[in-house]
Protein backbone atom coordinates (compact mmCIF):
# COMPACT_ATOMS: atom_id res chain seq x y z
CA UNK A 1 117.46 -146.79 183.76
CA UNK A 2 115.03 -148.97 181.97
CA UNK A 3 111.69 -148.03 181.53
CA UNK A 4 110.41 -150.95 183.71
CA UNK A 5 112.53 -149.07 186.68
CA UNK A 6 111.76 -144.88 186.17
CA UNK A 7 107.81 -146.41 186.78
CA UNK A 8 108.31 -148.02 190.11
CA UNK A 9 110.94 -144.48 191.26
CA UNK A 10 107.71 -142.62 189.94
CA UNK A 11 109.32 -140.92 187.44
CA UNK A 12 107.04 -141.28 184.38
CA UNK A 13 103.18 -141.45 186.56
CA UNK A 14 102.64 -138.12 185.02
CA UNK A 15 103.58 -138.48 181.37
CA UNK A 16 100.20 -139.80 179.52
CA UNK A 17 100.23 -143.28 178.57
CA UNK A 18 98.57 -144.22 175.33
CA UNK A 19 95.50 -146.26 175.41
CA UNK A 20 95.20 -150.07 175.30
CA UNK A 21 93.79 -150.09 171.83
CA UNK A 22 95.70 -147.35 169.99
CA UNK A 23 99.18 -148.98 171.24
CA UNK A 24 98.05 -152.45 170.69
CA UNK A 25 96.54 -151.09 167.12
CA UNK A 26 100.15 -149.74 165.75
CA UNK A 27 102.11 -152.96 167.34
CA UNK A 28 100.08 -154.73 165.34
CA UNK A 29 100.63 -153.02 162.31
CA UNK A 30 104.51 -153.09 162.88
CA UNK A 31 104.28 -157.10 163.02
CA UNK A 32 101.91 -157.21 160.23
CA UNK A 33 105.13 -155.79 158.34
CA UNK A 34 107.27 -158.83 158.90
CA UNK A 35 104.41 -161.37 158.50
CA UNK A 36 102.91 -159.98 155.76
CA UNK A 37 106.50 -160.14 153.69
CA UNK A 38 107.11 -163.68 154.68
CA UNK A 39 103.64 -165.37 154.00
CA UNK A 40 102.87 -162.97 150.64
CA UNK A 41 105.55 -165.30 148.96
CA UNK A 42 104.25 -168.12 149.26
CA UNK A 43 101.32 -167.69 147.23
CA UNK A 44 103.90 -166.05 144.36
CA UNK A 45 106.28 -169.49 144.66
CA UNK A 46 104.61 -171.44 142.07
CA UNK A 47 104.07 -168.30 139.28
CA UNK A 48 108.23 -167.41 140.42
CA UNK A 49 108.85 -171.78 139.68
CA UNK A 50 107.04 -170.79 136.39
CA UNK A 51 108.51 -167.25 135.27
CA UNK A 52 111.88 -168.31 135.45
CA UNK A 53 112.20 -171.68 134.86
CA UNK A 54 113.37 -172.91 138.14
CA UNK A 55 112.56 -175.75 140.58
CA UNK A 56 110.93 -175.92 143.33
CA UNK A 57 114.34 -175.90 145.62
CA UNK A 58 115.53 -173.20 144.32
CA UNK A 59 113.03 -170.66 144.10
CA UNK A 60 112.57 -171.19 148.42
CA UNK A 61 115.48 -169.37 148.36
CA UNK A 62 113.15 -166.26 147.90
CA UNK A 63 111.34 -167.65 151.60
CA UNK A 64 114.45 -168.84 153.16
CA UNK A 65 116.55 -165.84 152.29
CA UNK A 66 113.93 -163.80 153.83
CA UNK A 67 114.07 -166.16 157.21
CA UNK A 68 118.03 -166.45 157.26
CA UNK A 69 118.23 -162.65 157.73
CA UNK A 70 115.11 -162.16 160.24
CA UNK A 71 116.41 -165.06 162.62
CA UNK A 72 119.82 -162.76 163.02
CA UNK A 73 117.40 -159.40 163.26
CA UNK A 74 115.06 -160.80 165.76
CA UNK A 75 118.44 -161.22 167.77
CA UNK A 76 119.93 -157.85 166.91
CA UNK A 77 116.47 -156.31 166.95
CA UNK A 78 115.78 -157.05 169.86
CA UNK A 79 119.18 -156.26 171.65
CA UNK A 80 119.75 -153.32 170.54
CA UNK A 81 115.62 -152.43 171.32
CA UNK A 82 116.83 -153.10 175.11
CA UNK A 83 120.13 -150.86 174.43
CA UNK A 84 119.06 -148.25 172.93
CA UNK A 85 115.57 -147.38 172.79
CA UNK A 86 112.75 -150.39 171.25
CA UNK A 87 110.67 -147.45 169.10
CA UNK A 88 113.58 -145.97 167.23
CA UNK A 89 115.01 -149.18 166.48
CA UNK A 90 111.54 -150.36 165.16
CA UNK A 91 111.33 -147.25 163.05
CA UNK A 92 114.96 -147.98 161.63
CA UNK A 93 113.79 -151.48 161.27
CA UNK A 94 110.67 -150.44 159.25
CA UNK A 95 112.37 -147.91 156.65
CA UNK A 96 115.20 -151.13 155.79
CA UNK A 97 112.97 -153.51 154.94
CA UNK A 98 111.21 -150.88 152.83
CA UNK A 99 114.57 -151.14 150.90
CA UNK A 100 114.54 -154.18 150.84
CA UNK A 101 110.69 -154.61 148.97
CA UNK A 102 112.58 -151.85 146.53
CA UNK A 103 115.41 -153.28 145.42
CA UNK A 104 112.96 -156.74 144.53
CA UNK A 105 110.62 -154.63 142.54
CA UNK A 106 113.59 -152.98 140.43
CA UNK A 107 115.30 -155.81 140.36
CA UNK A 108 114.02 -157.91 137.17
CA UNK A 109 115.97 -161.17 137.78
CA UNK A 110 115.97 -164.01 140.65
CA UNK A 111 118.19 -163.09 141.99
CA UNK A 112 117.94 -159.98 142.85
CA UNK A 113 114.29 -160.83 144.11
CA UNK A 114 116.14 -163.08 146.30
CA UNK A 115 119.01 -159.42 147.60
CA UNK A 116 115.96 -157.97 148.30
CA UNK A 117 114.05 -160.63 150.20
CA UNK A 118 117.09 -160.70 151.73
CA UNK A 119 116.96 -157.02 153.37
CA UNK A 120 113.33 -157.37 153.77
CA UNK A 121 114.84 -159.86 156.63
CA UNK A 122 115.45 -157.13 158.49
CA UNK A 123 111.81 -156.97 159.78
CA UNK A 124 112.65 -160.28 161.99
CA UNK A 125 113.20 -157.61 164.73
CA UNK A 126 109.73 -156.40 164.40
CA UNK A 127 108.13 -158.74 166.67
CA UNK A 128 110.34 -159.01 169.49
CA UNK A 129 110.58 -155.37 169.64
CA UNK A 130 106.82 -155.33 169.50
CA UNK A 131 106.20 -157.57 172.43
CA UNK A 132 109.22 -155.11 174.44
CA UNK A 133 106.88 -152.58 173.88
CA UNK A 134 103.75 -154.22 174.82
CA UNK A 135 105.03 -155.02 178.06
CA UNK A 136 106.81 -151.32 178.50
CA UNK A 137 103.57 -149.26 177.99
CA UNK A 138 100.74 -151.53 178.84
CA UNK A 139 99.14 -151.67 182.41
CA UNK A 140 99.95 -155.53 183.74
CA UNK A 141 96.36 -156.75 183.41
CA UNK A 142 96.02 -155.74 180.05
CA UNK A 143 99.64 -157.28 178.92
CA UNK A 144 98.53 -160.94 178.16
CA UNK A 145 95.21 -159.53 175.85
CA UNK A 146 97.56 -156.71 174.36
CA UNK A 147 100.45 -159.96 173.98
CA UNK A 148 98.50 -162.52 172.45
CA UNK A 149 96.07 -160.08 169.82
CA UNK A 150 99.78 -158.79 168.94
CA UNK A 151 101.66 -162.27 168.50
CA UNK A 152 98.21 -163.56 166.54
CA UNK A 153 98.01 -160.72 163.81
CA UNK A 154 101.04 -162.93 161.98
CA UNK A 155 98.29 -164.71 160.94
CA UNK A 156 95.95 -162.01 159.53
CA UNK A 157 99.29 -160.93 158.32
CA UNK A 158 99.14 -164.20 156.80
CA UNK A 159 96.05 -164.02 155.37
CA UNK A 160 96.52 -160.57 154.25
CA UNK A 161 100.00 -161.77 152.06
CA UNK A 162 97.77 -164.66 150.88
CA UNK A 163 95.20 -162.31 149.67
CA UNK A 164 96.14 -159.46 148.21
CA UNK A 165 99.46 -161.38 146.74
CA UNK A 166 97.00 -163.96 144.78
CA UNK A 167 94.96 -161.06 143.93
CA UNK A 168 98.09 -159.19 142.51
CA UNK A 169 98.84 -161.64 140.29
CA UNK A 170 96.23 -162.82 138.75
CA UNK A 171 95.03 -159.49 137.69
CA UNK A 172 98.32 -157.37 137.47
CA UNK A 173 101.77 -158.76 137.90
CA UNK A 174 103.88 -160.58 141.11
CA UNK A 175 105.83 -156.99 140.70
CA UNK A 176 102.85 -155.24 142.83
CA UNK A 177 103.41 -156.88 146.11
CA UNK A 178 106.73 -155.23 146.72
CA UNK A 179 105.09 -151.95 146.18
CA UNK A 180 102.34 -152.55 148.92
CA UNK A 181 105.12 -153.93 150.86
CA UNK A 182 107.30 -151.09 150.52
CA UNK A 183 104.13 -148.49 151.22
CA UNK A 184 103.11 -150.68 154.58
CA UNK A 185 106.11 -150.47 155.90
CA UNK A 186 106.21 -146.83 155.53
CA UNK A 187 102.87 -145.92 156.68
CA UNK A 188 103.67 -148.65 159.79
CA UNK A 189 106.53 -146.30 160.77
CA UNK A 190 104.76 -143.32 160.73
CA UNK A 191 101.56 -144.82 162.84
CA UNK A 192 104.73 -145.58 165.68
CA UNK A 193 106.58 -142.58 165.38
CA UNK A 194 102.86 -140.84 165.94
CA UNK A 195 101.68 -143.26 168.57
CA UNK A 196 104.12 -144.83 170.80
CA UNK A 197 106.26 -142.30 173.42
CA UNK A 198 109.79 -141.57 172.82
CA UNK A 199 112.09 -142.86 174.57
CA UNK A 200 113.16 -143.25 177.65
CA UNK A 201 115.80 -145.54 178.28
CA UNK A 202 119.02 -144.86 178.67
CA UNK A 203 121.24 -145.79 176.11
CA UNK A 204 123.44 -148.56 176.99
CA UNK A 205 127.18 -148.68 176.52
CA UNK A 206 127.85 -152.18 176.14
CA UNK A 207 129.76 -152.81 172.78
CA UNK A 208 126.87 -154.58 170.16
CA UNK A 209 127.90 -157.96 169.24
CA UNK A 210 128.72 -157.70 165.30
CA UNK A 211 130.82 -160.87 165.17
CA UNK A 212 128.19 -162.91 166.66
CA UNK A 213 125.06 -161.45 164.69
CA UNK A 214 127.28 -162.35 161.56
CA UNK A 215 128.68 -165.76 162.38
CA UNK A 216 125.21 -167.14 163.07
CA UNK A 217 123.31 -166.72 159.58
CA UNK A 218 126.75 -167.32 157.61
CA UNK A 219 126.17 -171.49 159.50
CA UNK A 220 123.06 -171.52 159.37
CA UNK A 221 123.13 -170.83 155.71
CA UNK A 222 125.43 -172.87 154.99
CA UNK A 223 124.17 -175.80 156.53
CA UNK A 224 120.58 -175.02 154.70
CA UNK A 225 122.46 -174.46 151.59
CA UNK A 226 123.36 -178.04 151.63
CA UNK A 227 120.56 -179.31 151.98
CA UNK A 228 118.30 -177.06 149.58
CA UNK A 229 121.11 -178.95 146.99
CA UNK A 230 120.80 -182.64 148.17
CA UNK A 231 118.29 -183.89 146.27
CA UNK A 232 120.74 -182.37 142.72
CA UNK A 233 124.34 -183.23 144.65
CA UNK A 234 123.59 -186.37 147.23
CA UNK A 235 124.33 -186.80 150.46
CA UNK A 236 127.46 -188.31 149.59
CA UNK A 237 128.82 -185.43 147.84
CA UNK A 238 131.95 -183.07 148.20
CA UNK A 239 129.35 -180.33 148.20
CA UNK A 240 127.22 -181.26 150.84
CA UNK A 241 129.47 -182.81 153.24
CA UNK A 242 131.69 -179.63 152.64
CA UNK A 243 129.12 -177.32 153.34
CA UNK A 244 127.29 -179.28 156.27
CA UNK A 245 131.23 -178.80 157.63
CA UNK A 246 131.66 -175.60 157.54
CA UNK A 247 127.80 -174.77 159.05
CA UNK A 248 128.56 -176.79 161.83
CA UNK A 249 132.20 -175.52 162.51
CA UNK A 250 130.68 -172.04 162.31
CA UNK A 251 128.12 -172.67 164.74
CA UNK A 252 130.29 -173.94 167.22
CA UNK A 253 132.91 -170.62 166.83
CA UNK A 254 129.71 -168.64 167.17
CA UNK A 255 128.92 -170.72 170.82
CA UNK A 256 131.63 -170.98 172.06
CA UNK A 257 131.72 -166.56 171.08
CA UNK A 258 129.06 -165.81 172.84
CA UNK A 259 129.63 -167.49 176.01
CA UNK A 260 132.75 -165.32 176.12
CA UNK A 261 131.89 -162.11 175.17
CA UNK A 262 130.85 -159.77 177.58
CA UNK A 263 127.56 -158.52 176.08
CA UNK A 264 126.79 -161.21 173.53
CA UNK A 265 123.78 -161.33 170.54
CA UNK A 266 122.14 -164.30 172.46
CA UNK A 267 122.66 -165.32 176.02
CA UNK A 268 122.91 -168.67 176.01
CA UNK A 269 123.12 -168.71 179.74
CA UNK A 270 119.46 -167.96 179.41
CA UNK A 271 118.74 -171.67 178.02
CA UNK A 272 119.42 -172.46 181.21
CA UNK A 273 116.09 -171.88 182.79
CA UNK A 274 114.34 -174.89 182.48
CA UNK A 275 111.42 -173.36 181.32
CA UNK A 276 113.08 -171.27 178.62
CA UNK A 277 115.04 -174.34 176.76
CA UNK A 278 111.59 -175.95 176.88
CA UNK A 279 109.98 -173.00 175.30
CA UNK A 280 112.36 -172.59 172.70
CA UNK A 281 112.55 -176.29 171.93
CA UNK A 282 108.79 -176.34 171.51
CA UNK A 283 109.21 -173.60 169.23
CA UNK A 284 111.70 -175.19 167.18
CA UNK A 285 109.34 -178.15 166.53
CA UNK A 286 106.50 -176.49 165.69
CA UNK A 287 109.01 -174.16 163.01
CA UNK A 288 110.03 -177.52 161.54
CA UNK A 289 106.23 -178.51 161.54
CA UNK A 290 102.83 -177.19 161.07
CA UNK A 291 104.32 -173.01 161.28
CA UNK A 292 107.21 -173.49 158.86
CA UNK A 293 105.66 -176.69 156.70
CA UNK A 294 102.26 -176.40 155.96
CA UNK A 295 102.38 -172.82 153.86
CA UNK A 296 103.89 -174.41 150.23
CA UNK A 297 101.99 -178.24 150.48
CA UNK A 298 98.91 -176.37 151.33
CA UNK A 299 98.55 -174.11 148.44
CA UNK A 300 99.64 -176.92 145.99
CA UNK A 301 96.36 -178.76 147.36
CA UNK A 302 94.58 -175.16 146.38
CA UNK A 303 95.63 -174.44 143.13
CA UNK A 304 96.61 -177.74 141.78
CA UNK A 305 93.88 -178.97 139.18
CA UNK A 306 90.88 -181.40 140.33
CA UNK A 307 92.06 -183.65 137.26
CA UNK A 308 94.92 -184.43 139.79
CA UNK A 309 92.72 -186.26 142.26
CA UNK A 310 93.96 -184.29 145.66
CA UNK A 311 94.05 -180.63 143.77
CA UNK A 312 90.73 -178.22 144.50
CA UNK A 313 91.46 -176.02 141.23
CA UNK A 314 91.45 -172.78 142.94
CA UNK A 315 92.80 -169.84 141.44
CA UNK A 316 95.85 -168.27 142.99
CA UNK A 317 93.10 -164.85 143.63
CA UNK A 318 91.07 -167.63 145.34
CA UNK A 319 93.23 -169.33 147.20
CA UNK A 320 93.85 -165.68 148.65
CA UNK A 321 90.74 -165.24 149.31
CA UNK A 322 90.21 -168.84 151.15
CA UNK A 323 94.06 -168.47 152.81
CA UNK A 324 92.79 -164.72 154.40
CA UNK A 325 88.74 -166.12 155.89
CA UNK A 326 90.54 -168.77 157.74
CA UNK A 327 93.09 -166.95 158.85
CA UNK A 328 90.19 -164.21 159.97
CA UNK A 329 88.76 -167.28 161.84
CA UNK A 330 91.27 -167.72 163.29
CA UNK A 331 92.71 -164.44 164.62
CA UNK A 332 89.40 -163.92 166.52
CA UNK A 333 90.30 -166.44 168.62
CA UNK A 334 93.34 -164.22 169.69
CA UNK A 335 91.57 -162.29 172.41
CA UNK A 336 89.66 -165.08 174.29
CA UNK A 337 93.23 -166.98 174.20
CA UNK A 338 94.81 -163.69 175.86
CA UNK A 339 91.99 -163.88 178.55
CA UNK A 340 91.97 -167.73 179.39
CA UNK A 341 96.51 -167.42 179.65
CA UNK A 342 95.66 -164.61 182.22
CA UNK A 343 93.14 -166.84 184.19
CA UNK A 344 94.37 -170.25 183.36
CA UNK A 345 98.19 -169.51 182.23
CA UNK A 346 99.68 -169.59 178.67
CA UNK A 347 100.97 -172.97 178.96
CA UNK A 348 97.25 -174.65 178.42
CA UNK A 349 96.42 -172.38 175.58
CA UNK A 350 100.21 -173.07 174.11
CA UNK A 351 99.41 -176.50 174.40
CA UNK A 352 95.92 -176.20 172.95
CA UNK A 353 97.25 -174.49 169.79
CA UNK A 354 99.25 -176.37 169.12
CA UNK A 355 97.82 -179.69 169.25
CA UNK A 356 94.73 -178.14 167.70
CA UNK A 357 97.47 -177.97 164.08
CA UNK A 358 98.31 -181.51 165.06
CA UNK A 359 94.92 -182.55 164.75
CA UNK A 360 94.67 -180.93 160.95
CA UNK A 361 97.33 -182.82 159.17
CA UNK A 362 95.75 -186.10 159.48
CA UNK A 363 92.46 -184.32 158.16
CA UNK A 364 94.04 -183.38 155.41
CA UNK A 365 95.60 -186.32 154.32
CA UNK A 366 92.32 -188.38 154.53
CA UNK A 367 90.14 -186.10 152.95
CA UNK A 368 92.05 -185.15 149.39
CA UNK A 369 89.92 -183.69 146.80
CA UNK A 370 86.99 -182.59 149.32
CA UNK A 371 86.61 -179.05 149.56
CA UNK A 372 84.37 -178.99 152.22
CA UNK A 373 86.81 -181.19 154.61
CA UNK A 374 89.52 -179.22 153.51
CA UNK A 375 87.87 -175.88 154.63
CA UNK A 376 87.27 -177.04 157.83
CA UNK A 377 90.30 -178.18 158.37
CA UNK A 378 92.41 -175.14 157.50
CA UNK A 379 89.47 -173.24 159.85
CA UNK A 380 91.02 -175.02 163.24
CA UNK A 381 94.49 -174.48 161.69
CA UNK A 382 93.94 -171.02 161.89
CA UNK A 383 92.64 -171.00 165.54
CA UNK A 384 95.13 -173.56 166.36
CA UNK A 385 98.21 -170.98 164.99
CA UNK A 386 96.56 -168.12 166.70
CA UNK A 387 96.09 -169.36 169.87
CA UNK A 388 100.43 -170.83 170.07
CA UNK A 389 101.21 -167.11 167.97
CA UNK A 390 99.17 -165.33 171.08
CA UNK A 391 100.25 -167.95 173.99
CA UNK A 392 103.98 -168.30 173.29
CA UNK A 393 104.96 -164.78 174.07
CA UNK A 394 103.07 -165.11 177.18
CA UNK A 395 104.77 -167.96 178.10
CA UNK A 396 108.16 -166.61 177.39
CA UNK A 397 107.12 -163.25 179.26
CA UNK A 398 106.13 -165.36 182.27
CA UNK A 399 109.38 -166.86 182.90
CA UNK A 400 111.86 -163.20 182.22
CA UNK A 401 112.56 -159.75 183.98
CA UNK A 402 110.70 -156.80 181.93
CA UNK A 403 114.40 -155.50 180.92
CA UNK A 404 115.12 -158.50 178.79
CA UNK A 405 112.05 -159.11 176.81
CA UNK A 406 112.80 -157.85 173.95
CA UNK A 407 116.40 -159.46 173.98
CA UNK A 408 114.59 -162.68 174.82
CA UNK A 409 111.53 -162.79 172.28
CA UNK A 410 114.22 -161.73 169.32
CA UNK A 411 115.99 -165.00 170.48
CA UNK A 412 112.88 -166.25 170.43
CA UNK A 413 111.77 -164.58 166.98
CA UNK A 414 115.53 -166.49 165.49
CA UNK A 415 114.64 -170.41 166.81
CA UNK A 416 111.52 -170.58 165.33
CA UNK A 417 112.95 -168.65 161.55
CA UNK A 418 115.58 -171.00 162.00
CA UNK A 419 113.24 -173.74 162.10
CA UNK A 420 110.84 -172.09 159.04
CA UNK A 421 114.11 -171.94 156.82
CA UNK A 422 114.92 -175.68 157.48
CA UNK A 423 111.11 -176.77 156.82
CA UNK A 424 111.05 -174.65 153.65
CA UNK A 425 114.28 -176.36 152.67
CA UNK A 426 114.13 -179.78 154.04
CA UNK A 427 110.19 -179.27 152.34
CA UNK A 428 111.82 -178.04 149.12
CA UNK A 429 113.88 -181.62 149.16
CA UNK A 430 110.87 -183.17 149.17
CA UNK A 431 108.51 -181.58 146.75
CA UNK A 432 111.22 -181.59 144.23
CA UNK A 433 111.95 -185.58 144.27
CA UNK A 434 107.98 -185.75 143.20
CA UNK A 435 108.19 -182.60 140.62
CA UNK A 436 107.74 -183.71 136.91
CA UNK A 437 111.20 -182.08 135.11
CA UNK A 438 109.13 -180.72 132.50
CA UNK A 439 105.78 -180.01 133.70
CA UNK A 440 107.18 -178.82 137.24
CA UNK A 441 104.19 -180.17 138.73
CA UNK A 442 104.34 -182.08 141.77
CA UNK A 443 102.64 -185.50 142.37
CA UNK A 444 100.37 -186.34 145.22
CA UNK A 445 102.70 -188.89 146.72
CA UNK A 446 104.90 -185.80 147.33
CA UNK A 447 101.99 -183.47 148.89
CA UNK A 448 101.64 -186.39 150.98
CA UNK A 449 105.35 -186.87 152.34
CA UNK A 450 105.37 -183.23 153.40
CA UNK A 451 102.55 -183.38 155.50
CA UNK A 452 103.66 -186.51 157.22
CA UNK A 453 107.06 -184.63 157.87
CA UNK A 454 104.94 -181.51 158.96
CA UNK A 455 102.97 -184.20 161.27
CA UNK A 456 105.68 -186.09 162.41
CA UNK A 457 107.25 -182.43 164.21
CA UNK A 458 103.53 -181.03 165.27
CA UNK A 459 103.28 -184.01 167.61
CA UNK A 460 106.80 -183.65 168.85
CA UNK A 461 106.02 -180.07 169.94
CA UNK A 462 102.67 -180.73 171.62
CA UNK A 463 104.86 -183.38 173.66
CA UNK A 464 107.48 -180.91 174.94
CA UNK A 465 104.75 -178.35 175.39
CA UNK A 466 103.42 -180.56 177.73
CA UNK A 467 106.30 -179.98 179.59
CA UNK A 468 106.31 -176.75 180.77
CA UNK A 469 105.20 -175.45 184.03
CA UNK A 470 102.37 -173.39 184.66
CA UNK A 471 104.03 -171.26 187.54
CA UNK A 472 107.98 -170.91 186.33
CA UNK A 473 110.81 -170.46 188.05
CA UNK A 474 111.44 -166.81 187.10
CA UNK A 475 115.24 -166.16 184.49
CA UNK A 476 117.22 -164.26 186.42
CA UNK A 477 120.45 -162.61 184.15
CA UNK A 478 123.86 -162.45 185.66
CA UNK A 479 125.16 -159.09 187.09
CA UNK A 480 127.75 -157.09 185.74
CA UNK A 481 129.27 -158.48 188.47
CA UNK A 482 129.06 -161.63 188.75
CA UNK A 483 130.04 -162.25 185.32
CA UNK A 484 133.01 -160.74 186.62
CA UNK A 485 133.52 -163.32 189.11
CA UNK A 486 132.46 -166.00 186.39
CA UNK A 487 135.64 -164.94 184.78
CA UNK A 488 138.11 -165.11 187.00
CA UNK A 489 138.07 -161.47 186.99
CA UNK A 490 136.75 -160.10 189.92
CA UNK A 491 135.36 -155.92 189.84
CA UNK A 492 137.57 -153.90 192.04
CA UNK A 493 136.05 -151.70 194.82
CA UNK A 494 136.69 -149.12 195.96
CA UNK A 495 137.85 -148.79 199.36
CA UNK A 496 136.66 -146.37 201.61
CA UNK A 497 138.82 -143.99 203.94
CA UNK A 498 138.73 -144.15 207.19
CA UNK A 499 137.28 -141.54 209.16
């Protein structure tokens, strides 16, 4: 019986429910681990390019490896949480993420950093689990604000990652960022065990979809690897065509398997629900655009010298502080976003956040070299991200039952991370095509092309979000009997003997 059903039956009424502030604080801390481990690397990319003497498309795998594993982990972790208990799975994920940080720390080569980053990617499961725990332990009227604050915490984590990484790189070494992330994961795990009550969920007897969890990252990795190498191999090369073919075939097999298996890692039938399908599509477009495509070019604008015309000449530490301040400004709007979502519907806040991020890009393109204009643009971008990240889970929650919260949120995390992976790979191709092979400096044309790419997908995301309904029809998952009938093997119902 799920925690929701237990509450309805009154069995949990006598158990002490932790307070709103305590629950939201520890869940934000857990989500900060995931977002921090991603954001800390963006500031580090220019340093890694110089240290290991590689191009932008190669070092981008430090980010892409994390996102690829995170895509699968988000779904698998959410599914495991709904099946075996979200608190238990969250603690396990945090410990695995800690191990990945230590591997990146002691490896000593770019390859080992990428391996450690892939292991860290298991932290992608944390957001879906956090949303599920929030919905499980918060009062109904407090859920929109709590979920908004947890979702938008990725913005603060991004700020913290940029700030801490920038300071450590400038004053010490990039190695220290992995020590920090490892310690943060341990502290978060201890906090979860101390505050969140033990799982009351009866473990499911469904068999986990391990094959689906393996096939998905293989398909995505093949496609992204092909894209990352296209600047060197060309679109007509055997390597590019072969990798793309492998990715597409494996993706097709994965889709067939997910529709066939009894307990899929991704319930593809949820996409029949109009609201869920539109939310996932808008998420993918936003991830390809402003969510996934802004970080690298904006860091280059911040850190490149002023003599280049578009650079602002910030040091890594100054760039980190700047990113932190703009993120803090944005996060201050997350409680307001939650209240607006509760009063007017999450759709309105979602559309507003996406629109704000789209408007920012033309401001940047038209005011290169102007510090004040760039500061204003990035502050607005921070508010837009905060509103979008806070509204996104609330838009989903309106369309799904509580028992499938972590699973659906994990699927959304997967969609977002695949989009961010693709944005990173494509953005690296654009930047590499404008990069001086000797100095590794990217010309202004490459920065502008990256921002235009982001703008196109930002506008598309807004267009799709406008199609969302304010009061959607909730998705009703198939029952075991309905699934058996659909597959042509109806369950046998015992015949009661007559008196």
